[in-house]
Protein backbone atom coordinates (compact mmCIF):
# COMPACT_ATOMS: atom_id res chain seq x y z
CA MET A 1 -7.17 19.24 -76.07
CA LYS A 2 -4.38 20.51 -73.83
CA ASP A 3 -4.47 24.13 -73.14
CA TYR A 4 -2.94 26.09 -76.12
CA LEU A 5 -2.68 30.10 -77.69
CA VAL A 6 -2.34 31.16 -80.96
CA LYS A 7 -1.23 34.17 -82.86
CA SER A 8 -2.34 35.48 -86.29
CA LEU A 9 -2.81 38.10 -88.84
CA ALA A 10 -5.66 39.05 -90.07
CA PHE A 11 -7.03 41.18 -93.06
CA ASN A 12 -3.59 41.16 -95.30
CA GLY A 13 -1.71 42.06 -91.95
CA GLN A 14 -4.21 44.83 -90.94
CA VAL A 15 -4.92 43.01 -87.67
CA ARG A 16 -3.38 41.26 -84.92
CA ALA A 17 -4.82 38.81 -82.91
CA TYR A 18 -5.03 36.16 -80.36
CA ALA A 19 -6.97 33.51 -79.18
CA VAL A 20 -6.36 30.95 -76.30
CA LYS A 21 -8.11 27.85 -74.64
CA THR A 22 -7.20 27.71 -70.82
CA THR A 23 -9.84 25.60 -69.63
CA GLU A 24 -7.37 23.06 -67.62
CA THR A 25 -4.63 26.12 -66.78
CA VAL A 26 -7.77 28.03 -64.72
CA SER A 27 -8.98 24.36 -63.45
CA GLU A 28 -5.46 23.98 -61.91
CA ALA A 29 -5.91 26.96 -60.07
CA GLN A 30 -9.41 26.67 -59.00
CA ARG A 31 -7.78 23.28 -57.31
CA ARG A 32 -4.97 24.74 -55.41
CA HIS A 33 -7.05 28.21 -54.53
CA TYR A 34 -10.29 26.38 -53.68
CA THR A 35 -11.70 29.35 -55.54
CA TRP A 36 -16.22 29.31 -55.48
CA PRO A 37 -17.65 30.04 -58.52
CA THR A 38 -17.30 33.76 -58.93
CA ALA A 39 -14.04 34.13 -57.66
CA SER A 40 -12.85 31.55 -60.81
CA ALA A 41 -14.35 33.63 -62.92
CA ALA A 42 -12.81 36.81 -61.99
CA LEU A 43 -9.29 35.20 -61.67
CA GLY A 44 -9.87 32.84 -64.69
CA ARG A 45 -10.60 35.72 -66.93
CA ALA A 46 -7.50 37.59 -65.61
CA MET A 47 -5.41 34.73 -66.00
CA THR A 48 -6.63 34.55 -69.60
CA ALA A 49 -5.85 37.88 -70.30
CA GLY A 50 -2.49 37.60 -68.45
CA VAL A 51 -1.44 34.40 -70.76
CA MET A 52 -2.24 36.47 -74.19
CA LEU A 53 -0.32 39.63 -73.07
CA GLY A 54 2.62 37.19 -72.04
CA SER A 55 2.54 36.24 -75.22
CA MET A 56 3.37 39.80 -76.61
CA LEU A 57 6.96 39.35 -75.00
CA LYS A 58 10.02 37.71 -75.73
CA GLY A 59 12.91 36.07 -74.58
CA GLU A 60 12.75 35.98 -70.72
CA GLU A 61 10.58 39.14 -70.37
CA LYS A 62 7.76 38.99 -67.63
CA LEU A 63 4.49 40.75 -66.71
CA THR A 64 2.41 41.24 -63.98
CA ILE A 65 -1.01 41.95 -63.49
CA LYS A 66 -2.48 43.41 -60.57
CA VAL A 67 -6.57 43.87 -60.34
CA GLU A 68 -7.70 46.04 -57.49
CA GLY A 69 -11.26 47.13 -57.67
CA GLY A 70 -12.71 47.63 -54.41
CA GLY A 71 -14.49 44.47 -54.13
CA PRO A 72 -15.03 41.63 -51.74
CA ILE A 73 -12.69 39.76 -53.76
CA GLY A 74 -10.13 41.62 -52.68
CA ILE A 75 -6.71 42.12 -54.88
CA ILE A 76 -6.61 39.33 -57.92
CA LEU A 77 -2.63 39.22 -59.28
CA VAL A 78 -1.52 37.24 -62.11
CA ASP A 79 2.29 36.42 -62.91
CA ALA A 80 2.94 35.51 -66.88
CA ASN A 81 5.70 35.75 -69.17
CA SER A 82 6.50 34.96 -73.18
CA LYS A 83 6.29 31.39 -72.86
CA GLY A 84 2.67 30.53 -71.91
CA GLU A 85 3.23 29.79 -68.35
CA VAL A 86 0.86 31.87 -65.59
CA ARG A 87 0.03 31.96 -62.63
CA GLY A 88 -2.01 33.87 -60.19
CA TYR A 89 -4.44 34.09 -57.14
CA VAL A 90 -7.04 35.91 -55.00
CA THR A 91 -7.21 37.82 -51.59
CA ASN A 92 -10.39 36.09 -51.07
CA PRO A 93 -11.15 32.87 -53.24
CA GLN A 94 -14.27 31.77 -51.37
CA THR A 95 -16.13 34.65 -53.00
CA HIS A 96 -19.57 33.87 -54.72
CA PHE A 97 -22.91 35.53 -55.24
CA ASP A 98 -26.43 34.84 -56.95
CA LEU A 99 -26.20 35.13 -61.35
CA ASN A 100 -26.62 38.64 -62.76
CA SER A 101 -29.23 39.90 -64.45
CA GLN A 102 -28.08 38.54 -67.37
CA GLY A 103 -27.94 35.38 -66.17
CA LYS A 104 -23.96 35.24 -65.85
CA LEU A 105 -21.29 35.20 -63.12
CA ASP A 106 -21.38 38.21 -61.28
CA VAL A 107 -17.64 39.19 -61.71
CA ALA A 108 -18.06 42.72 -61.58
CA ARG A 109 -19.80 42.48 -57.69
CA ALA A 110 -17.19 40.77 -56.89
CA VAL A 111 -14.18 42.85 -58.57
CA GLY A 112 -15.51 46.27 -57.67
CA THR A 113 -15.76 49.15 -59.64
CA ASN A 114 -13.65 51.81 -57.77
CA GLY A 115 -10.18 50.82 -58.23
CA THR A 116 -7.47 50.48 -60.82
CA LEU A 117 -5.72 48.00 -63.24
CA THR A 118 -2.12 47.81 -63.10
CA ILE A 119 0.15 46.07 -65.69
CA VAL A 120 4.40 45.90 -64.92
CA LYS A 121 6.10 44.26 -67.62
CA ASP A 122 9.78 43.53 -66.72
CA LEU A 123 11.31 43.67 -70.05
CA GLY A 124 15.26 43.28 -68.71
CA LEU A 125 15.78 47.19 -68.62
CA ARG A 126 16.57 49.37 -65.42
CA GLU A 127 13.41 50.43 -65.13
CA HIS A 128 9.49 48.36 -65.75
CA PHE A 129 7.35 49.84 -67.48
CA THR A 130 4.26 50.23 -65.68
CA GLY A 131 1.02 51.35 -66.99
CA GLN A 132 -2.34 51.63 -64.84
CA VAL A 133 -6.07 52.48 -65.57
CA PRO A 134 -8.98 53.05 -63.77
CA ILE A 135 -11.46 49.80 -63.73
CA VAL A 136 -14.17 50.81 -66.64
CA SER A 137 -16.61 47.79 -65.85
CA GLY A 138 -15.49 45.53 -63.33
CA GLU A 139 -16.28 42.41 -65.75
CA LEU A 140 -12.49 42.39 -66.98
CA GLY A 141 -12.81 41.71 -70.24
CA ASP A 142 -13.62 45.68 -70.77
CA ASP A 143 -10.95 46.55 -68.59
CA PHE A 144 -8.20 45.00 -70.36
CA THR A 145 -9.52 46.66 -73.48
CA TYR A 146 -9.40 49.69 -71.96
CA TYR A 147 -6.19 49.49 -70.58
CA LEU A 148 -4.43 48.81 -74.30
CA VAL A 149 -6.18 51.37 -75.73
CA SER A 150 -5.34 53.78 -73.09
CA SER A 151 -1.68 52.76 -71.91
CA GLU A 152 -0.28 51.34 -74.86
CA GLN A 153 -2.77 53.03 -77.32
CA VAL A 154 -3.46 49.94 -79.33
CA PRO A 155 -7.17 49.89 -80.64
CA SER A 156 -8.14 46.35 -79.05
CA SER A 157 -11.17 44.04 -78.16
CA VAL A 158 -10.57 41.66 -75.29
CA GLY A 159 -12.85 38.68 -75.12
CA VAL A 160 -12.49 36.47 -71.93
CA GLY A 161 -14.62 33.91 -70.32
CA VAL A 162 -15.28 31.14 -67.44
CA LEU A 163 -17.89 28.70 -67.47
CA VAL A 164 -18.02 26.56 -63.81
CA ASN A 165 -19.83 23.56 -63.21
CA PRO A 166 -22.20 22.93 -60.49
CA ASP A 167 -19.72 21.25 -58.78
CA ASN A 168 -17.09 24.03 -58.34
CA SER A 169 -14.90 22.88 -61.47
CA ILE A 170 -14.34 24.62 -64.30
CA LEU A 171 -16.37 23.74 -67.33
CA ALA A 172 -14.79 25.95 -70.06
CA ALA A 173 -12.17 29.04 -70.49
CA GLY A 174 -10.23 30.92 -72.55
CA GLY A 175 -10.37 34.49 -74.47
CA PHE A 176 -8.61 36.04 -77.71
CA ILE A 177 -7.21 39.90 -78.17
CA ILE A 178 -8.40 41.69 -81.85
CA GLN A 179 -5.58 44.33 -82.58
CA LEU A 180 -5.79 46.95 -85.58
CA MET A 181 -2.49 47.98 -86.44
CA PRO A 182 -1.63 51.50 -87.41
CA GLY A 183 -3.31 52.56 -91.42
CA THR A 184 -6.05 49.89 -90.81
CA ASP A 185 -8.78 51.31 -93.09
CA ASP A 186 -12.58 51.69 -92.49
CA ALA A 187 -14.01 48.17 -94.25
CA THR A 188 -12.16 46.37 -92.06
CA ILE A 189 -12.99 48.28 -88.65
CA THR A 190 -16.35 47.77 -90.06
CA ALA A 191 -16.43 44.59 -90.79
CA ILE A 192 -15.01 43.31 -87.52
CA GLU A 193 -17.42 45.82 -85.46
CA GLN A 194 -20.22 43.94 -87.05
CA ARG A 195 -18.75 40.58 -86.22
CA LEU A 196 -18.11 41.18 -82.76
CA SER A 197 -21.45 42.51 -82.01
CA LYS A 198 -22.86 39.42 -83.35
CA ILE A 199 -20.83 36.60 -82.09
CA GLU A 200 -21.42 34.48 -79.05
CA PRO A 201 -19.53 34.92 -75.46
CA ILE A 202 -16.05 33.26 -75.62
CA SER A 203 -16.44 30.96 -72.97
CA LYS A 204 -19.68 29.22 -74.92
CA LEU A 205 -18.13 29.08 -77.94
CA ILE A 206 -15.18 26.40 -75.55
CA GLN A 207 -18.19 25.35 -74.29
CA LYS A 208 -18.82 23.92 -78.12
CA GLY A 209 -15.83 23.05 -78.36
CA LEU A 210 -14.19 25.22 -80.91
CA THR A 211 -10.49 25.47 -81.02
CA PRO A 212 -8.49 28.61 -80.31
CA GLU A 213 -8.36 29.00 -84.20
CA GLU A 214 -11.89 28.46 -84.92
CA ILE A 215 -12.40 30.87 -82.39
CA LEU A 216 -10.80 33.40 -84.51
CA GLU A 217 -12.31 32.23 -87.84
CA GLU A 218 -15.18 33.21 -85.81
CA VAL A 219 -14.55 36.22 -85.06
CA LEU A 220 -12.72 37.98 -87.97
CA GLY A 221 -13.60 35.10 -90.52
CA LYS A 222 -12.42 31.94 -91.70
CA ASP A 223 -11.13 33.40 -94.79
CA ASN A 224 -9.35 36.66 -93.18
CA VAL A 225 -7.68 35.08 -90.45
CA LYS A 226 -3.77 33.44 -91.03
CA ILE A 227 -2.24 31.87 -88.20
CA ILE A 228 1.69 32.24 -87.57
CA ASP A 229 2.15 31.03 -84.25
CA LYS A 230 0.85 28.04 -81.50
CA MET A 231 2.32 27.58 -78.18
CA PRO A 232 1.17 25.54 -75.24
CA VAL A 233 -0.38 27.12 -72.14
CA LYS A 234 -0.01 26.10 -68.07
CA PHE A 235 -0.13 27.03 -64.79
CA GLN A 236 3.35 27.05 -63.92
CA CYS A 237 4.66 28.60 -60.37
CA GLN A 238 8.09 30.12 -60.09
CA CYS A 239 8.51 29.12 -56.64
CA SER A 240 11.02 26.80 -55.12
CA ARG A 241 12.64 25.30 -51.66
CA GLU A 242 16.12 27.31 -52.65
CA ARG A 243 13.73 30.71 -53.05
CA PHE A 244 12.49 30.25 -49.83
CA GLU A 245 15.68 29.49 -48.61
CA SER A 246 17.28 32.63 -49.92
CA GLY A 247 14.05 34.66 -48.06
CA ILE A 248 14.82 33.20 -44.70
CA ILE A 249 18.54 34.29 -45.13
CA GLY A 250 17.82 37.46 -46.31
CA LEU A 251 16.06 37.69 -42.86
CA GLY A 252 19.49 37.68 -41.05
CA ALA A 253 20.93 35.41 -37.99
CA LYS A 254 18.98 37.34 -35.50
CA GLU A 255 15.35 36.80 -37.21
CA ILE A 256 16.45 33.22 -37.79
CA GLN A 257 17.31 32.32 -33.95
CA ASP A 258 14.12 34.08 -33.02
CA MET A 259 12.51 31.45 -35.30
CA ILE A 260 14.12 28.62 -33.68
CA ASP A 261 14.02 29.80 -30.19
CA GLU A 262 10.01 30.31 -30.58
CA ASP A 263 8.83 28.15 -33.06
CA GLY A 264 11.91 25.51 -33.77
CA LYS A 265 10.79 25.22 -36.98
CA ALA A 266 9.47 27.04 -40.09
CA GLU A 267 6.60 26.81 -42.43
CA ALA A 268 6.35 29.15 -45.68
CA GLN A 269 3.39 28.56 -48.09
CA CYS A 270 3.72 30.60 -51.90
CA HIS A 271 0.36 32.63 -52.29
CA PHE A 272 0.13 31.70 -55.76
CA CYS A 273 0.16 27.70 -56.40
CA ASN A 274 -0.40 27.39 -51.87
CA GLU A 275 2.64 25.02 -51.96
CA LYS A 276 3.67 24.54 -48.49
CA TYR A 277 7.69 24.03 -47.63
CA GLN A 278 8.71 23.03 -44.39
CA PHE A 279 11.84 23.94 -42.40
CA THR A 280 13.15 21.90 -39.55
CA LYS A 281 15.51 22.98 -36.53
CA GLU A 282 18.24 21.66 -38.67
CA ASP A 283 17.53 23.54 -41.56
CA LEU A 284 16.85 26.88 -39.98
CA GLU A 285 20.28 26.30 -38.23
CA ALA A 286 22.38 25.90 -41.29
CA LEU A 287 20.22 28.98 -42.98
CA LYS A 288 21.65 31.29 -40.14
CA GLU A 289 25.14 30.06 -40.59
CA SER A 290 24.75 31.20 -44.38
CA ALA A 291 22.93 34.32 -42.84
CA LYS A 292 26.21 35.48 -41.07
CA LYS A 293 28.50 35.04 -44.22
């Protein structure tokens, strides 16, 4: 089953809900960055949240998530858009610790709890919208919940999870976001709180083979959920040779000549996908001419 996301309304439109399977998407990131289990879980959780937050956007809008908790994993950076495309990386992908006291990957230790979660939205306006909150747990699900409640004033519950195989590959990944619309009645809130307190971790639900639709039914109750949209999800980088060429041209003719004199070639590597682009001396000469125009 390929990765995909569903959007839904629940409890007669009082609740907006999203659920996503990201196993293949997180697997692609793990392969590209050679992440170790704890780093895989942290990056995978952030990418899963990013996909769902991105799905709330429209058209060509996009967002960037920056998790900077002061932990040994360093910075987590994720880009997502409204089309189900996401990419991400961590500063120190080979980060791993023993399981925590609950027998789970110790994401909080890797991420750290002394820092901030920042989300920048490019909505096509002159100014970008930026929201920033302190990291409250480092487990990331709680942190994205706190962001939505504090920065966007939307009562929400975020669940994100990643299971990793013994060989470092990704066994299961996915998540959900539940949001209360203005005027949600107390009985509905109580019912959701009770269900959330009893459900298994999201990664366990995906490991069992539950689809995003079934996850929402598990969280909200089968008779309460109405699916309104479905979209594919994938790891998709926006880098290209042309973009790196533009970047080199932007350095100016003198800088490019220095590159030619010192190395006679150049290599550029994308942080998000690890793709490498090679530029020969002839390529650099041509780019230098373009820089003179």
